[in-house]
Amino acid sequence: MNIAQIEADALSLPVDDRASLAHRLLLSLEEISESEFDDLWGDVSAQRAAEVDAGLVQVVPGDEVARKARALLR
């Protein structure tokens, strides 16, 4: 089973089960060391930078994101 299949299966669960699974997955991250956590964020950062460099994602300025978030909270 690959990540895509696990994700598809998880997303097909009822909302309460998805919330429980998400909570358990987040708690599992607390069990890793700080250096492992830093390595994971480094990997994610490198992947995001590569996506930006390749033109695969659109960069949105932080102030615009904050403005839209505030509008959603109103």
PDB file of N, CA and C in Angstrom:
ATOM      1  N   MET A   1       0.850  -1.173   0.000  1.00  0.00           N
ATOM      2  CA  MET A   1       0.000   0.000   0.000  1.00  0.00           C
ATOM      3  C   MET A   1       0.899   1.241   0.000  1.00  0.00           C
ATOM      4  N   ASN A   2       0.556   2.224  -0.838  1.00  0.00           N
ATOM      5  CA  ASN A   2       1.359   3.442  -0.904  1.00  0.00           C
ATOM      6  C   ASN A   2       0.639   4.605  -0.221  1.00  0.00           C
ATOM      7  N   ILE A   3       1.327   5.718  -0.112  1.00  0.00           N
ATOM      8  CA  ILE A   3       0.781   6.893   0.579  1.00  0.00           C
ATOM      9  C   ILE A   3      -0.512   7.373  -0.078  1.00  0.00           C
ATOM     10  N   ALA A   4      -0.561   7.374  -1.401  1.00  0.00           N
ATOM     11  CA  ALA A   4      -1.763   7.836  -2.098  1.00  0.00           C
ATOM     12  C   ALA A   4      -2.965   6.975  -1.734  1.00  0.00           C
ATOM     13  N   GLN A   5      -2.779   5.681  -1.646  1.00  0.00           N
ATOM     14  CA  GLN A   5      -3.883   4.784  -1.286  1.00  0.00           C
ATOM     15  C   GLN A   5      -4.301   4.986   0.166  1.00  0.00           C
ATOM     16  N   ILE A   6      -3.319   5.152   1.043  1.00  0.00           N
ATOM     17  CA  ILE A   6      -3.628   5.398   2.453  1.00  0.00           C
ATOM     18  C   ILE A   6      -4.415   6.703   2.589  1.00  0.00           C
ATOM     19  N   GLU A   7      -3.973   7.728   1.863  1.00  0.00           N
ATOM     20  CA  GLU A   7      -4.672   9.010   1.905  1.00  0.00           C
ATOM     21  C   GLU A   7      -6.103   8.867   1.404  1.00  0.00           C
ATOM     22  N   ALA A   8      -6.287   8.182   0.287  1.00  0.00           N
ATOM     23  CA  ALA A   8      -7.630   7.991  -0.276  1.00  0.00           C
ATOM     24  C   ALA A   8      -8.517   7.239   0.712  1.00  0.00           C
ATOM     25  N   ASP A   9      -7.960   6.205   1.330  1.00  0.00           N
ATOM     26  CA  ASP A   9      -8.732   5.433   2.311  1.00  0.00           C
ATOM     27  C   ASP A   9      -9.096   6.302   3.516  1.00  0.00           C
ATOM     28  N   ALA A  10      -8.132   7.085   3.987  1.00  0.00           N
ATOM     29  CA  ALA A  10      -8.380   7.938   5.149  1.00  0.00           C
ATOM     30  C   ALA A  10      -9.444   8.988   4.842  1.00  0.00           C
ATOM     31  N   LEU A  11      -9.390   9.565   3.657  1.00  0.00           N
ATOM     32  CA  LEU A  11     -10.350  10.599   3.287  1.00  0.00           C
ATOM     33  C   LEU A  11     -11.761  10.056   3.088  1.00  0.00           C
ATOM     34  N   SER A  12     -11.870   8.759   2.908  1.00  0.00           N
ATOM     35  CA  SER A  12     -13.196   8.167   2.743  1.00  0.00           C
ATOM     36  C   SER A  12     -13.846   7.825   4.085  1.00  0.00           C
ATOM     37  N   LEU A  13     -13.110   7.985   5.178  1.00  0.00           N
ATOM     38  CA  LEU A  13     -13.653   7.709   6.511  1.00  0.00           C
ATOM     39  C   LEU A  13     -14.652   8.786   6.925  1.00  0.00           C
ATOM     40  N   PRO A  14     -15.563   8.444   7.839  1.00  0.00           N
ATOM     41  CA  PRO A  14     -16.456   9.470   8.397  1.00  0.00           C
ATOM     42  C   PRO A  14     -15.634  10.543   9.110  1.00  0.00           C
ATOM     43  N   VAL A  15     -16.194  11.725   9.224  1.00  0.00           N
ATOM     44  CA  VAL A  15     -15.467  12.869   9.762  1.00  0.00           C
ATOM     45  C   VAL A  15     -14.907  12.595  11.162  1.00  0.00           C
ATOM     46  N   ASP A  16     -15.648  11.948  12.034  1.00  0.00           N
ATOM     47  CA  ASP A  16     -15.148  11.664  13.387  1.00  0.00           C
ATOM     48  C   ASP A  16     -13.931  10.754  13.344  1.00  0.00           C
ATOM     49  N   ASP A  17     -13.949   9.765  12.460  1.00  0.00           N
ATOM     50  CA  ASP A  17     -12.804   8.860  12.334  1.00  0.00           C
ATOM     51  C   ASP A  17     -11.596   9.576  11.751  1.00  0.00           C
ATOM     52  N   ARG A  18     -11.843  10.479  10.779  1.00  0.00           N
ATOM     53  CA  ARG A  18     -10.731  11.255  10.208  1.00  0.00           C
ATOM     54  C   ARG A  18     -10.102  12.149  11.259  1.00  0.00           C
ATOM     55  N   ALA A  19     -10.936  12.776  12.076  1.00  0.00           N
ATOM     56  CA  ALA A  19     -10.420  13.648  13.134  1.00  0.00           C
ATOM     57  C   ALA A  19      -9.602  12.841  14.136  1.00  0.00           C
ATOM     58  N   SER A  20     -10.080  11.683  14.493  1.00  0.00           N
ATOM     59  CA  SER A  20      -9.353  10.826  15.427  1.00  0.00           C
ATOM     60  C   SER A  20      -8.021  10.389  14.841  1.00  0.00           C
ATOM     61  N   LEU A  21      -8.030  10.006  13.578  1.00  0.00           N
ATOM     62  CA  LEU A  21      -6.797   9.592  12.909  1.00  0.00           C
ATOM     63  C   LEU A  21      -5.811  10.752  12.821  1.00  0.00           C
ATOM     64  N   ALA A  22      -6.306  11.935  12.462  1.00  0.00           N
ATOM     65  CA  ALA A  22      -5.440  13.114  12.372  1.00  0.00           C
ATOM     66  C   ALA A  22      -4.807  13.417  13.727  1.00  0.00           C
ATOM     67  N   HIS A  23      -5.595  13.318  14.770  1.00  0.00           N
ATOM     68  CA  HIS A  23      -5.090  13.568  16.119  1.00  0.00           C
ATOM     69  C   HIS A  23      -3.996  12.567  16.474  1.00  0.00           C
ATOM     70  N   ARG A  24      -4.238  11.306  16.187  1.00  0.00           N
ATOM     71  CA  ARG A  24      -3.246  10.268  16.491  1.00  0.00           C
ATOM     72  C   ARG A  24      -1.970  10.470  15.688  1.00  0.00           C
ATOM     73  N   LEU A  25      -2.106  10.863  14.427  1.00  0.00           N
ATOM     74  CA  LEU A  25      -0.917  11.115  13.602  1.00  0.00           C
ATOM     75  C   LEU A  25      -0.124  12.301  14.129  1.00  0.00           C
ATOM     76  N   LEU A  26      -0.820  13.366  14.522  1.00  0.00           N
ATOM     77  CA  LEU A  26      -0.123  14.528  15.080  1.00  0.00           C
ATOM     78  C   LEU A  26       0.590  14.180  16.380  1.00  0.00           C
ATOM     79  N   LEU A  27      -0.059  13.400  17.217  1.00  0.00           N
ATOM     80  CA  LEU A  27       0.586  12.973  18.461  1.00  0.00           C
ATOM     81  C   LEU A  27       1.830  12.145  18.185  1.00  0.00           C
ATOM     82  N   SER A  28       1.796  11.366  17.113  1.00  0.00           N
ATOM     83  CA  SER A  28       2.951  10.525  16.793  1.00  0.00           C
ATOM     84  C   SER A  28       4.179  11.363  16.433  1.00  0.00           C
ATOM     85  N   LEU A  29       3.957  12.595  15.968  1.00  0.00           N
ATOM     86  CA  LEU A  29       5.079  13.466  15.636  1.00  0.00           C
ATOM     87  C   LEU A  29       5.822  13.933  16.878  1.00  0.00           C
ATOM     88  N   GLU A  30       5.139  13.927  18.010  1.00  0.00           N
ATOM     89  CA  GLU A  30       5.773  14.336  19.251  1.00  0.00           C
ATOM     90  C   GLU A  30       6.797  13.304  19.716  1.00  0.00           C
ATOM     91  N   GLU A  31       6.757  12.127  19.128  1.00  0.00           N
ATOM     92  CA  GLU A  31       7.652  11.055  19.540  1.00  0.00           C
ATOM     93  C   GLU A  31       8.985  11.083  18.806  1.00  0.00           C
ATOM     94  N   ILE A  32       9.154  12.024  17.877  1.00  0.00           N
ATOM     95  CA  ILE A  32      10.423  12.089  17.159  1.00  0.00           C
ATOM     96  C   ILE A  32      11.338  13.099  17.831  1.00  0.00           C
ATOM     97  N   SER A  33      12.608  12.939  17.627  1.00  0.00           N
ATOM     98  CA  SER A  33      13.571  13.848  18.238  1.00  0.00           C
ATOM     99  C   SER A  33      13.552  15.203  17.530  1.00  0.00           C
ATOM    100  N   GLU A  34      14.121  16.187  18.192  1.00  0.00           N
ATOM    101  CA  GLU A  34      14.166  17.525  17.602  1.00  0.00           C
ATOM    102  C   GLU A  34      14.967  17.524  16.304  1.00  0.00           C
ATOM    103  N   SER A  35      16.052  16.759  16.256  1.00  0.00           N
ATOM    104  CA  SER A  35      16.852  16.721  15.027  1.00  0.00           C
ATOM    105  C   SER A  35      16.084  16.036  13.896  1.00  0.00           C
ATOM    106  N   GLU A  36      15.299  14.994  14.222  1.00  0.00           N
ATOM    107  CA  GLU A  36      14.469  14.347  13.196  1.00  0.00           C
ATOM    108  C   GLU A  36      13.417  15.327  12.685  1.00  0.00           C
ATOM    109  N   PHE A  37      12.825  16.079  13.604  1.00  0.00           N
ATOM    110  CA  PHE A  37      11.824  17.075  13.243  1.00  0.00           C
ATOM    111  C   PHE A  37      12.437  18.127  12.325  1.00  0.00           C
ATOM    112  N   ASP A  38      13.634  18.612  12.687  1.00  0.00           N
ATOM    113  CA  ASP A  38      14.318  19.600  11.856  1.00  0.00           C
ATOM    114  C   ASP A  38      14.623  19.044  10.469  1.00  0.00           C
ATOM    115  N   ASP A  39      15.057  17.786  10.411  1.00  0.00           N
ATOM    116  CA  ASP A  39      15.334  17.148   9.121  1.00  0.00           C
ATOM    117  C   ASP A  39      14.079  17.062   8.262  1.00  0.00           C
ATOM    118  N   LEU A  40      12.953  16.701   8.887  1.00  0.00           N
ATOM    119  CA  LEU A  40      11.695  16.608   8.145  1.00  0.00           C
ATOM    120  C   LEU A  40      11.290  17.965   7.583  1.00  0.00           C
ATOM    121  N   TRP A  41      11.400  19.028   8.402  1.00  0.00           N
ATOM    122  CA  TRP A  41      11.058  20.356   7.915  1.00  0.00           C
ATOM    123  C   TRP A  41      12.035  20.803   6.833  1.00  0.00           C
ATOM    124  N   GLY A  42      13.292  20.418   6.964  1.00  0.00           N
ATOM    125  CA  GLY A  42      14.264  20.730   5.917  1.00  0.00           C
ATOM    126  C   GLY A  42      13.888  20.085   4.599  1.00  0.00           C
ATOM    127  N   ASP A  43      13.432  18.833   4.665  1.00  0.00           N
ATOM    128  CA  ASP A  43      12.997  18.122   3.461  1.00  0.00           C
ATOM    129  C   ASP A  43      11.797  18.820   2.823  1.00  0.00           C
ATOM    130  N   VAL A  44      10.832  19.198   3.664  1.00  0.00           N
ATOM    131  CA  VAL A  44       9.639  19.879   3.161  1.00  0.00           C
ATOM    132  C   VAL A  44      10.021  21.220   2.542  1.00  0.00           C
ATOM    133  N   SER A  45      10.906  21.953   3.205  1.00  0.00           N
ATOM    134  CA  SER A  45      11.350  23.251   2.682  1.00  0.00           C
ATOM    135  C   SER A  45      12.024  23.099   1.323  1.00  0.00           C
ATOM    136  N   ALA A  46      12.880  22.103   1.195  1.00  0.00           N
ATOM    137  CA  ALA A  46      13.575  21.868  -0.071  1.00  0.00           C
ATOM    138  C   ALA A  46      12.582  21.503  -1.172  1.00  0.00           C
ATOM    139  N   GLN A  47      11.595  20.677  -0.825  1.00  0.00           N
ATOM    140  CA  GLN A  47      10.584  20.280  -1.805  1.00  0.00           C
ATOM    141  C   GLN A  47       9.771  21.492  -2.246  1.00  0.00           C
ATOM    142  N   ARG A  48       9.366  22.336  -1.292  1.00  0.00           N
ATOM    143  CA  ARG A  48       8.580  23.530  -1.626  1.00  0.00           C
ATOM    144  C   ARG A  48       9.398  24.478  -2.500  1.00  0.00           C
ATOM    145  N   ALA A  49      10.661  24.668  -2.166  1.00  0.00           N
ATOM    146  CA  ALA A  49      11.522  25.553  -2.959  1.00  0.00           C
ATOM    147  C   ALA A  49      11.661  25.031  -4.385  1.00  0.00           C
ATOM    148  N   ALA A  50      11.813  23.728  -4.532  1.00  0.00           N
ATOM    149  CA  ALA A  50      11.923  23.135  -5.863  1.00  0.00           C
ATOM    150  C   ALA A  50      10.634  23.341  -6.658  1.00  0.00           C
ATOM    151  N   GLU A  51       9.480  23.230  -5.987  1.00  0.00           N
ATOM    152  CA  GLU A  51       8.198  23.450  -6.655  1.00  0.00           C
ATOM    153  C   GLU A  51       8.072  24.900  -7.125  1.00  0.00           C
ATOM    154  N   VAL A  52       8.526  25.845  -6.301  1.00  0.00           N
ATOM    155  CA  VAL A  52       8.486  27.259  -6.686  1.00  0.00           C
ATOM    156  C   VAL A  52       9.421  27.492  -7.859  1.00  0.00           C
ATOM    157  N   ASP A  53      10.649  26.966  -7.765  1.00  0.00           N
ATOM    158  CA  ASP A  53      11.635  27.150  -8.839  1.00  0.00           C
ATOM    159  C   ASP A  53      11.155  26.560 -10.162  1.00  0.00           C
ATOM    160  N   ALA A  54      10.417  25.453 -10.088  1.00  0.00           N
ATOM    161  CA  ALA A  54       9.926  24.793 -11.302  1.00  0.00           C
ATOM    162  C   ALA A  54       8.644  25.436 -11.830  1.00  0.00           C
ATOM    163  N   GLY A  55       8.115  26.410 -11.093  1.00  0.00           N
ATOM    164  CA  GLY A  55       6.885  27.058 -11.529  1.00  0.00           C
ATOM    165  C   GLY A  55       5.645  26.219 -11.324  1.00  0.00           C
ATOM    166  N   LEU A  56       5.732  25.232 -10.431  1.00  0.00           N
ATOM    167  CA  LEU A  56       4.604  24.333 -10.195  1.00  0.00           C
ATOM    168  C   LEU A  56       3.584  24.896  -9.214  1.00  0.00           C
ATOM    169  N   VAL A  57       3.992  25.896  -8.451  1.00  0.00           N
ATOM    170  CA  VAL A  57       3.093  26.511  -7.478  1.00  0.00           C
ATOM    171  C   VAL A  57       3.174  28.026  -7.618  1.00  0.00           C
ATOM    172  N   GLN A  58       2.124  28.682  -7.171  1.00  0.00           N
ATOM    173  CA  GLN A  58       2.087  30.141  -7.223  1.00  0.00           C
ATOM    174  C   GLN A  58       2.446  30.682  -5.844  1.00  0.00           C
ATOM    175  N   VAL A  59       3.357  31.616  -5.792  1.00  0.00           N
ATOM    176  CA  VAL A  59       3.758  32.239  -4.542  1.00  0.00           C
ATOM    177  C   VAL A  59       2.754  33.342  -4.209  1.00  0.00           C
ATOM    178  N   VAL A  60       2.284  33.339  -2.946  1.00  0.00           N
ATOM    179  CA  VAL A  60       1.329  34.340  -2.490  1.00  0.00           C
ATOM    180  C   VAL A  60       1.983  35.121  -1.351  1.00  0.00           C
ATOM    181  N   PRO A  61       2.042  36.451  -1.451  1.00  0.00           N
ATOM    182  CA  PRO A  61       2.650  37.250  -0.395  1.00  0.00           C
ATOM    183  C   PRO A  61       1.950  37.025   0.953  1.00  0.00           C
ATOM    184  N   GLY A  62       2.727  37.039   2.025  1.00  0.00           N
ATOM    185  CA  GLY A  62       2.202  36.779   3.358  1.00  0.00           C
ATOM    186  C   GLY A  62       1.104  37.732   3.773  1.00  0.00           C
ATOM    187  N   ASP A  63       1.225  39.018   3.401  1.00  0.00           N
ATOM    188  CA  ASP A  63       0.188  39.978   3.789  1.00  0.00           C
ATOM    189  C   ASP A  63      -1.138  39.671   3.109  1.00  0.00           C
ATOM    190  N   GLU A  64      -1.083  39.150   1.898  1.00  0.00           N
ATOM    191  CA  GLU A  64      -2.315  38.765   1.199  1.00  0.00           C
ATOM    192  C   GLU A  64      -2.956  37.556   1.866  1.00  0.00           C
ATOM    193  N   VAL A  65      -2.140  36.589   2.256  1.00  0.00           N
ATOM    194  CA  VAL A  65      -2.652  35.412   2.965  1.00  0.00           C
ATOM    195  C   VAL A  65      -3.310  35.838   4.270  1.00  0.00           C
ATOM    196  N   ALA A  66      -2.651  36.729   5.019  1.00  0.00           N
ATOM    197  CA  ALA A  66      -3.201  37.200   6.293  1.00  0.00           C
ATOM    198  C   ALA A  66      -4.517  37.936   6.079  1.00  0.00           C
ATOM    199  N   ARG A  67      -4.583  38.757   5.041  1.00  0.00           N
ATOM    200  CA  ARG A  67      -5.818  39.500   4.750  1.00  0.00           C
ATOM    201  C   ARG A  67      -6.963  38.542   4.444  1.00  0.00           C
ATOM    202  N   LYS A  68      -6.696  37.529   3.626  1.00  0.00           N
ATOM    203  CA  LYS A  68      -7.735  36.555   3.286  1.00  0.00           C
ATOM    204  C   LYS A  68      -8.156  35.738   4.506  1.00  0.00           C
ATOM    205  N   ALA A  69      -7.201  35.397   5.357  1.00  0.00           N
ATOM    206  CA  ALA A  69      -7.524  34.635   6.563  1.00  0.00           C
ATOM    207  C   ALA A  69      -8.409  35.451   7.489  1.00  0.00           C
ATOM    208  N   ARG A  70      -8.075  36.739   7.661  1.00  0.00           N
ATOM    209  CA  ARG A  70      -8.905  37.607   8.513  1.00  0.00           C
ATOM    210  C   ARG A  70     -10.313  37.722   7.949  1.00  0.00           C
ATOM    211  N   ALA A  71     -10.426  37.823   6.632  1.00  0.00           N
ATOM    212  CA  ALA A  71     -11.751  37.932   5.989  1.00  0.00           C
ATOM    213  C   ALA A  71     -12.568  36.668   6.229  1.00  0.00           C
ATOM    214  N   LEU A  72     -11.923  35.525   6.213  1.00  0.00           N
ATOM    215  CA  LEU A  72     -12.645  34.271   6.464  1.00  0.00           C
ATOM    216  C   LEU A  72     -13.133  34.164   7.897  1.00  0.00           C
ATOM    217  N   LEU A  73     -12.434  34.788   8.817  1.00  0.00           N
ATOM    218  CA  LEU A  73     -12.810  34.717  10.233  1.00  0.00           C
ATOM    219  C   LEU A  73     -13.935  35.677  10.609  1.00  0.00           C
ATOM    220  N   ARG A  74     -14.280  36.566   9.720  1.00  0.00           N
ATOM    221  CA  ARG A  74     -15.343  37.546  10.013  1.00  0.00           C
ATOM    222  C   ARG A  74     -16.702  36.937   9.878  1.00  0.00           C
TER     223      ARG A  74
END
